[in-house]
Amino acid sequence: MTEKMEKDTPKFDWVTERSSCALPKVFKALRLQVYEDLKTRNALRPNNSPYKFSVADNGSNFTAVLEATDVHRS
């Protein structure tokens, strides 16, 4: 590459990008997405629905749960 092309090309920060793939960060992002998805899904339920979706949060673990009159699944 020429010197001008090197100046115009943004430097890729692979250290920062690699850090963002660390399991705790990925898991935290996944947890937040699940909370948002369940919030959206519950808002779409008809009034007086016999079911709802929730999150059972146990510190470092969580479970998405379907709660219904006769059903309990996770």
Protein backbone atom coordinates (compact mmCIF):
# COMPACT_ATOMS: atom_id res chain seq x y z
CA MET A 1 0.00 0.00 0.00
CA THR A 2 1.05 3.52 -0.53
CA GLU A 3 1.55 5.87 2.39
CA LYS A 4 -1.55 7.89 1.44
CA MET A 5 -3.74 4.77 1.36
CA GLU A 6 -2.47 3.75 4.80
CA LYS A 7 -3.41 7.16 6.22
CA ASP A 8 -6.88 7.05 4.67
CA THR A 9 -7.61 3.50 5.84
CA PRO A 10 -8.99 3.41 9.39
CA LYS A 11 -6.99 1.19 11.70
CA PHE A 12 -8.93 -1.86 12.84
CA ASP A 13 -8.81 -2.17 16.63
CA TRP A 14 -8.83 -5.96 16.93
CA VAL A 15 -8.05 -5.90 20.66
CA THR A 16 -11.25 -3.99 21.46
CA GLU A 17 -13.30 -6.10 19.06
CA ARG A 18 -11.95 -9.31 20.56
CA SER A 19 -12.74 -8.05 24.05
CA SER A 20 -16.38 -7.44 23.09
CA CYS A 21 -16.69 -11.17 22.32
CA ALA A 22 -15.87 -12.19 25.89
CA LEU A 23 -18.48 -14.58 27.29
CA PRO A 24 -19.65 -12.33 30.15
CA LYS A 25 -20.36 -9.48 27.72
CA VAL A 26 -22.10 -11.76 25.23
CA PHE A 27 -24.22 -13.35 27.99
CA LYS A 28 -25.17 -9.93 29.38
CA ALA A 29 -26.28 -8.79 25.91
CA LEU A 30 -28.27 -12.00 25.45
CA ARG A 31 -29.99 -11.52 28.83
CA LEU A 32 -30.98 -7.95 27.95
CA GLN A 33 -32.36 -9.09 24.59
CA VAL A 34 -34.43 -11.82 26.27
CA TYR A 35 -35.90 -9.30 28.73
CA GLU A 36 -36.83 -6.97 25.86
CA ASP A 37 -38.28 -9.80 23.75
CA LEU A 38 -40.47 -11.01 26.62
CA LYS A 39 -41.61 -7.47 27.38
CA THR A 40 -42.61 -7.05 23.73
CA ARG A 41 -44.30 -10.46 23.60
CA ASN A 42 -46.30 -9.81 26.77
CA ALA A 43 -47.50 -6.50 25.33
CA LEU A 44 -48.94 -8.44 22.36
CA ARG A 45 -51.05 -10.77 24.53
CA PRO A 46 -54.83 -10.27 24.47
CA ASN A 47 -56.44 -8.91 27.64
CA ASN A 48 -57.16 -11.59 30.24
CA SER A 49 -54.78 -14.07 28.60
CA PRO A 50 -54.39 -17.33 30.52
CA TYR A 51 -50.63 -17.14 30.00
CA LYS A 52 -47.66 -14.79 30.34
CA PHE A 53 -43.94 -14.86 29.76
CA SER A 54 -41.42 -14.00 32.46
CA VAL A 55 -37.78 -14.33 33.42
CA ALA A 56 -36.60 -16.29 36.42
CA ASP A 57 -33.37 -14.55 37.40
CA ASN A 58 -31.01 -16.50 39.65
CA GLY A 59 -27.92 -14.31 39.90
CA SER A 60 -25.62 -15.47 37.13
CA ASN A 61 -28.35 -17.63 35.51
CA PHE A 62 -31.69 -16.81 34.01
CA THR A 63 -34.55 -18.72 32.43
CA ALA A 64 -37.29 -17.54 30.07
CA VAL A 65 -40.55 -18.98 31.36
CA LEU A 66 -44.04 -19.51 29.91
CA GLU A 67 -46.58 -19.42 32.71
CA ALA A 68 -50.11 -20.58 31.92
CA THR A 69 -53.07 -21.85 33.87
CA ASP A 70 -52.20 -25.50 33.29
CA VAL A 71 -48.72 -25.21 31.78
CA HIS A 72 -45.31 -24.21 33.08
CA ARG A 73 -42.42 -24.46 30.61
CA SER A 74 -38.98 -22.95 30.42
